[in-house]
Amino acid sequence: MAEISAKLVQELRQKTGAGMMDCKKALKENDGDIEASMTWLRQKGIAKADKGSDRIAAEGLVDTYVQPDGQVGVLIEVNCQTDFVARNEAFKALVKNLAQQAATADSVESLLTQPYIEKSSVTVDQFIKETIATLGENIQVRRFVNFSLANTSGVVDSYIHTGGRVGVLVELTAQSASAATNEEFQSLAKNAAMQVAACPNVGYVSISQIPAETVQKEKDIEMGKEDLGNKPENIKEKIVQGRIDKRLKEMTLLDQPYIRDQSISVEDLVKQVKSKVGEEIQISRFVRYILGEGIEKKEMSFADEVAAQIGAK
């Protein structure tokens, strides 16, 4: 039997609009053959004949869940086809429940096999299928990430921007539980999440977290620029290093001007809070989701979107 990779499952999902578990089963039944799997899904009534070309799920919501004690947090993206459904209360409730359930899951696949939080007689996957039948649109849990502090002192916080189109999950650590519950520390977590949402080019907390291959790639790009062609080698190296240092700072959270006070950096803010808390604290990690990023979306006019919505009913 051919190996059923996650990439193969995703390709079949995009072509058919079927759920992950159904796609995986179809591929297993058909030895990894995409075309045969598409036919199998149609025979089972799971996929439609249009191969999902107009069923690309690129709309939807990014949402978060943080436990009341701030020790566990989730960032999730659930996609649908149109903004109409994304604004539907049933869809919003589904996403919010899935965010909460994802706190105990380690993959999308494992999340789909859990009993649904508000209807334990069915799995999450089965409930999503029921919702698809009700709303008339393809719905997919695209991705999620969960943070858990476990035995570490700190806090997990989140921020949702532009009505669920951008979401951030952030984790801060401290040396003691008393520092983790400090109001200044808690405020720093919220502000750090907002900062990440406002800085789409930021991908790392600090320069030390940037992989060596990324640094080398930036150096190769700078060394190859035409404006350095006639410069002596020693001068070229200095110019390139200056440009790289600037570029790396653009990629790191701590080096950004603080959005609430542009006269200081985020690193300066952390130092200020550290002095108030009285012990070492740090922003340890973050994740940002932008709704639909990386999904090839079929462009539709407003009239076409309305027609598609009516036709699905």
Protein backbone atom coordinates (compact mmCIF):
# COMPACT_ATOMS: atom_id res chain seq x y z
CA MET A 1 0.00 0.00 0.00
CA ALA A 2 1.27 3.48 -0.90
CA GLU A 3 2.18 5.79 1.96
CA ILE A 4 -0.67 8.22 2.67
CA SER A 5 1.09 11.50 3.40
CA ALA A 6 -0.49 14.60 4.92
CA LYS A 7 0.25 16.43 1.63
CA LEU A 8 -1.72 13.84 -0.33
CA VAL A 9 -4.67 14.10 2.07
CA GLN A 10 -4.61 17.90 1.79
CA GLU A 11 -4.56 17.71 -2.03
CA LEU A 12 -7.63 15.47 -2.03
CA ARG A 13 -9.40 17.77 0.45
CA GLN A 14 -8.82 20.75 -1.82
CA LYS A 15 -10.06 18.87 -4.89
CA THR A 16 -13.20 17.45 -3.30
CA GLY A 17 -14.13 19.56 -0.29
CA ALA A 18 -14.42 16.35 1.75
CA GLY A 19 -13.29 16.11 5.36
CA MET A 20 -9.82 15.02 6.40
CA MET A 21 -10.87 11.64 7.79
CA ASP A 22 -12.92 10.83 4.68
CA CYS A 23 -10.03 11.78 2.41
CA LYS A 24 -7.60 9.64 4.36
CA LYS A 25 -9.96 6.67 4.22
CA ALA A 26 -10.52 7.16 0.48
CA LEU A 27 -6.79 7.23 -0.22
CA LYS A 28 -6.24 4.08 1.85
CA GLU A 29 -9.05 2.32 -0.01
CA ASN A 30 -7.54 3.32 -3.37
CA ASP A 31 -3.83 2.85 -2.66
CA GLY A 32 -3.08 6.58 -2.74
CA ASP A 33 -4.58 7.17 -6.20
CA ILE A 34 -6.09 10.69 -6.24
CA GLU A 35 -8.45 10.19 -9.19
CA ALA A 36 -9.73 6.85 -7.89
CA SER A 37 -10.18 8.38 -4.43
CA MET A 38 -12.22 11.25 -5.90
CA THR A 39 -14.49 8.74 -7.63
CA TRP A 40 -14.79 6.71 -4.41
CA LEU A 41 -15.82 9.82 -2.45
CA ARG A 42 -18.44 10.72 -5.08
CA GLN A 43 -19.83 7.19 -4.97
CA LYS A 44 -20.15 7.50 -1.21
CA GLY A 45 -21.95 10.82 -1.63
CA ILE A 46 -19.24 12.65 0.26
CA ALA A 47 -17.83 14.73 -2.61
CA LYS A 48 -19.64 16.58 -5.38
CA ALA A 49 -18.93 16.21 -9.09
CA ASP A 50 -17.52 19.74 -9.41
CA LYS A 51 -14.25 18.60 -7.77
CA GLY A 52 -14.49 21.48 -5.34
CA SER A 53 -13.05 24.13 -7.71
CA ASP A 54 -15.68 26.56 -6.50
CA ARG A 55 -15.65 25.14 -2.99
CA ILE A 56 -12.28 26.45 -1.89
CA ALA A 57 -12.53 27.28 1.80
CA ALA A 58 -10.52 30.47 2.15
CA GLU A 59 -12.89 32.54 4.28
CA GLY A 60 -13.79 31.74 7.86
CA LEU A 61 -12.46 32.78 11.26
CA VAL A 62 -9.31 32.82 13.32
CA ASP A 63 -10.17 32.51 17.00
CA THR A 64 -8.51 31.81 20.34
CA TYR A 65 -9.21 30.12 23.63
CA VAL A 66 -7.29 30.81 26.84
CA GLN A 67 -8.05 28.97 30.07
CA PRO A 68 -9.16 31.26 32.91
CA ASP A 69 -5.88 30.66 34.77
CA GLY A 70 -3.86 31.68 31.69
CA GLN A 71 -1.85 28.46 31.68
CA VAL A 72 -3.16 27.01 28.41
CA GLY A 73 -4.08 28.77 25.18
CA VAL A 74 -5.15 27.87 21.65
CA LEU A 75 -5.05 29.68 18.30
CA ILE A 76 -7.19 28.10 15.57
CA GLU A 77 -8.22 28.76 11.97
CA VAL A 78 -11.43 27.25 10.61
CA ASN A 79 -12.29 27.93 6.98
CA CYS A 80 -15.53 28.18 5.04
CA GLN A 81 -16.24 29.39 1.50
CA THR A 82 -17.86 32.79 1.97
CA ASP A 83 -17.98 35.69 4.37
CA PHE A 84 -21.73 35.08 4.69
CA VAL A 85 -21.16 31.83 6.55
CA ALA A 86 -18.18 33.26 8.46
CA ARG A 87 -20.60 35.76 10.02
CA ASN A 88 -23.21 33.10 10.78
CA GLU A 89 -23.77 32.56 14.51
CA ALA A 90 -23.74 28.76 14.15
CA PHE A 91 -20.36 28.91 12.43
CA LYS A 92 -18.97 31.30 15.06
CA ALA A 93 -20.13 28.98 17.84
CA LEU A 94 -18.53 26.00 16.11
CA VAL A 95 -15.17 27.78 15.83
CA LYS A 96 -15.27 28.89 19.47
CA ASN A 97 -16.02 25.35 20.63
CA LEU A 98 -13.28 23.88 18.43
CA ALA A 99 -10.77 26.33 19.90
CA GLN A 100 -11.64 25.10 23.38
CA GLN A 101 -11.44 21.44 22.36
CA ALA A 102 -8.09 21.92 20.63
CA ALA A 103 -6.51 22.62 24.03
CA THR A 104 -6.29 18.83 24.54
CA ALA A 105 -5.51 17.80 20.95
CA ASP A 106 -2.11 17.37 19.33
CA SER A 107 -3.17 17.51 15.67
CA VAL A 108 -6.16 18.39 13.48
CA GLU A 109 -6.72 14.67 12.95
CA SER A 110 -6.90 13.94 16.67
CA LEU A 111 -9.23 16.91 17.20
CA LEU A 112 -11.64 15.56 14.57
CA THR A 113 -11.93 12.22 16.39
CA GLN A 114 -12.89 13.79 19.75
CA PRO A 115 -16.54 13.74 20.91
CA TYR A 116 -17.98 17.15 20.10
CA ILE A 117 -18.17 19.37 23.17
CA GLU A 118 -21.89 20.18 22.83
CA LYS A 119 -23.03 16.85 21.34
CA SER A 120 -20.97 14.01 22.74
CA SER A 121 -22.87 11.37 20.75
CA VAL A 122 -20.98 12.45 17.60
CA THR A 123 -17.36 13.24 16.84
CA VAL A 124 -16.10 16.69 15.88
CA ASP A 125 -15.75 15.44 12.30
CA GLN A 126 -19.36 14.23 12.23
CA PHE A 127 -20.66 17.47 13.72
CA ILE A 128 -18.76 19.49 11.11
CA LYS A 129 -20.44 17.40 8.40
CA GLU A 130 -23.83 18.16 9.98
CA THR A 131 -22.96 21.86 9.97
CA ILE A 132 -21.87 21.65 6.31
CA ALA A 133 -25.26 20.12 5.47
CA THR A 134 -27.05 22.89 7.38
CA LEU A 135 -25.06 25.86 6.06
CA GLY A 136 -24.44 24.50 2.57
CA GLU A 137 -20.71 25.24 2.49
CA ASN A 138 -17.46 23.38 2.80
CA ILE A 139 -15.98 23.83 6.30
CA GLN A 140 -12.45 22.77 7.22
CA VAL A 141 -10.36 22.95 10.36
CA ARG A 142 -7.19 24.17 8.71
CA ARG A 143 -4.75 24.44 11.61
CA PHE A 144 -4.30 25.19 15.28
CA VAL A 145 -1.55 25.55 17.84
CA ASN A 146 -1.77 25.19 21.61
CA PHE A 147 0.57 26.53 24.29
CA SER A 148 0.77 24.97 27.75
CA LEU A 149 2.95 26.32 30.54
CA ALA A 150 2.73 23.03 32.48
CA ASN A 151 5.09 23.49 35.47
CA THR A 152 6.48 26.85 34.32
CA SER A 153 5.42 30.16 35.86
CA GLY A 154 4.00 32.58 33.33
CA VAL A 155 0.93 33.41 31.30
CA VAL A 156 -0.56 32.68 27.88
CA ASP A 157 -2.61 35.42 26.26
CA SER A 158 -4.13 36.18 22.87
CA TYR A 159 -5.43 38.90 20.60
CA ILE A 160 -7.91 38.83 17.72
CA HIS A 161 -7.84 41.64 15.16
CA THR A 162 -10.15 42.76 12.32
CA GLY A 163 -13.09 40.57 13.21
CA GLY A 164 -11.31 37.23 13.26
CA ARG A 165 -9.01 37.72 10.27
CA VAL A 166 -5.81 37.98 12.31
CA GLY A 167 -5.07 36.15 15.54
CA VAL A 168 -2.08 35.92 17.87
CA LEU A 169 -1.16 33.59 20.72
CA VAL A 170 1.72 34.62 22.98
CA GLU A 171 3.50 33.06 25.95
CA LEU A 172 5.44 34.93 28.62
CA THR A 173 7.43 33.28 31.40
CA ALA A 174 8.54 34.43 34.85
CA GLN A 175 10.49 32.96 37.73
CA SER A 176 7.64 32.81 40.24
CA ALA A 177 3.88 32.40 40.40
CA SER A 178 3.52 35.76 42.14
CA ALA A 179 5.21 37.53 39.22
CA ALA A 180 2.99 35.67 36.75
CA THR A 181 -0.12 37.08 38.43
CA ASN A 182 1.30 40.60 38.63
CA GLU A 183 -0.92 43.14 36.85
CA GLU A 184 2.02 44.71 34.98
CA PHE A 185 3.12 41.28 33.76
CA GLN A 186 -0.40 40.38 32.64
CA SER A 187 -0.69 43.69 30.80
CA LEU A 188 2.62 43.07 29.05
CA ALA A 189 1.27 39.76 27.70
CA LYS A 190 -1.79 41.45 26.20
CA ASN A 191 0.26 44.28 24.72
CA ALA A 192 2.81 41.84 23.28
CA ALA A 193 0.01 39.97 21.50
CA MET A 194 -1.33 43.23 20.05
CA GLN A 195 2.21 44.17 18.95
CA VAL A 196 2.62 40.90 17.04
CA ALA A 197 -0.70 41.46 15.27
CA ALA A 198 0.43 44.95 14.24
CA CYS A 199 3.79 43.72 12.86
CA PRO A 200 3.18 41.19 10.06
CA ASN A 201 6.89 40.97 9.14
CA VAL A 202 7.91 39.90 12.64
CA GLY A 203 8.52 36.17 12.90
CA TYR A 204 10.83 35.79 15.91
CA VAL A 205 11.06 37.07 19.47
CA SER A 206 14.75 37.97 19.24
CA ILE A 207 17.64 37.80 16.78
CA SER A 208 19.07 34.78 18.65
CA GLN A 209 16.01 32.77 17.54
CA ILE A 210 16.57 33.37 13.82
CA PRO A 211 17.95 30.20 12.16
CA ALA A 212 21.48 30.41 10.74
CA GLU A 213 20.22 29.46 7.27
CA THR A 214 17.84 32.43 7.29
CA VAL A 215 20.68 34.78 8.21
CA GLN A 216 22.85 33.29 5.46
CA LYS A 217 20.06 33.67 2.92
CA GLU A 218 19.72 37.37 3.77
CA LYS A 219 23.50 37.76 3.41
CA ASP A 220 23.49 36.04 0.01
CA ILE A 221 20.73 38.37 -1.20
CA GLU A 222 22.59 41.47 -0.05
CA MET A 223 25.95 40.31 -1.45
CA GLY A 224 24.33 39.81 -4.84
CA LYS A 225 22.83 43.29 -5.14
CA GLU A 226 24.03 45.30 -8.14
CA ASP A 227 24.82 48.48 -6.20
CA LEU A 228 27.72 46.67 -4.50
CA GLY A 229 29.32 45.45 -7.71
CA ASN A 230 32.13 48.00 -7.88
CA LYS A 231 32.81 48.26 -4.14
CA PRO A 232 36.06 46.93 -2.64
CA GLU A 233 35.53 43.62 -0.84
CA ASN A 234 36.19 45.01 2.66
CA ILE A 235 33.76 47.90 2.11
CA LYS A 236 31.18 45.55 0.64
CA GLU A 237 31.32 43.34 3.75
CA LYS A 238 30.70 46.31 6.06
CA ILE A 239 27.77 47.57 3.98
CA VAL A 240 26.25 44.11 3.80
CA GLN A 241 26.61 43.55 7.56
CA GLY A 242 24.86 46.85 8.25
CA ARG A 243 22.00 45.92 5.95
CA ILE A 244 21.69 42.46 7.46
CA ASP A 245 21.61 43.84 11.01
CA LYS A 246 18.79 46.19 9.97
CA ARG A 247 16.88 43.37 8.22
CA LEU A 248 17.15 41.00 11.17
CA LYS A 249 15.83 43.66 13.53
CA GLU A 250 12.82 44.09 11.24
CA MET A 251 12.09 40.39 11.78
CA THR A 252 12.22 40.39 15.58
CA LEU A 253 9.59 41.42 18.12
CA LEU A 254 11.92 42.86 20.76
CA ASP A 255 13.47 45.30 18.27
CA GLN A 256 10.16 46.83 17.17
CA PRO A 257 9.06 50.31 18.27
CA TYR A 258 6.35 49.78 20.89
CA ILE A 259 2.95 50.53 19.32
CA ARG A 260 1.72 52.48 22.37
CA ASP A 261 4.91 54.52 22.75
CA GLN A 262 7.11 54.78 19.65
CA SER A 263 9.96 56.31 21.68
CA ILE A 264 10.81 52.91 23.19
CA SER A 265 11.25 49.41 21.80
CA VAL A 266 9.41 46.29 22.93
CA GLU A 267 12.66 45.21 24.58
CA ASP A 268 12.68 48.46 26.56
CA LEU A 269 9.10 47.76 27.63
CA VAL A 270 10.03 44.29 28.85
CA LYS A 271 12.88 45.80 30.89
CA GLN A 272 10.51 48.34 32.44
CA VAL A 273 8.08 45.62 33.49
CA LYS A 274 10.97 43.49 34.74
CA SER A 275 12.04 46.28 37.10
CA LYS A 276 8.49 46.62 38.44
CA VAL A 277 8.01 42.87 38.88
CA GLY A 278 11.41 42.47 40.46
CA GLU A 279 12.57 39.35 38.64
CA GLU A 280 13.56 37.95 35.25
CA ILE A 281 10.72 37.76 32.73
CA GLN A 282 10.64 37.10 29.02
CA ILE A 283 8.44 36.77 25.96
CA SER A 284 9.21 33.15 25.13
CA ARG A 285 7.20 32.50 21.96
CA PHE A 286 4.28 33.56 19.79
CA VAL A 287 2.28 32.44 16.77
CA ARG A 288 0.33 34.61 14.34
CA TYR A 289 -2.40 33.36 11.99
CA ILE A 290 -3.73 35.44 9.11
CA LEU A 291 -7.00 34.10 7.73
CA GLY A 292 -6.57 32.27 4.43
CA GLU A 293 -2.85 32.95 4.05
CA GLY A 294 -1.33 30.55 1.54
CA ILE A 295 -4.71 29.40 0.19
CA GLU A 296 -5.29 30.00 -3.50
CA LYS A 297 -8.68 31.65 -3.47
CA LYS A 298 -11.02 31.77 -6.44
CA GLU A 299 -12.01 35.40 -6.96
CA MET A 300 -15.76 36.06 -6.95
CA SER A 301 -17.73 39.23 -7.42
CA PHE A 302 -20.28 40.17 -4.78
CA ALA A 303 -23.10 39.12 -7.14
CA ASP A 304 -21.43 35.75 -7.77
CA GLU A 305 -20.97 35.23 -4.04
CA VAL A 306 -24.66 35.91 -3.43
CA ALA A 307 -25.62 33.56 -6.27
CA ALA A 308 -23.35 30.84 -4.87
CA GLN A 309 -24.89 31.24 -1.44
CA ILE A 310 -28.45 31.01 -2.82
CA GLY A 311 -27.54 28.04 -5.01
CA ALA A 312 -26.17 26.14 -2.03
CA LYS A 313 -29.49 26.23 -0.24
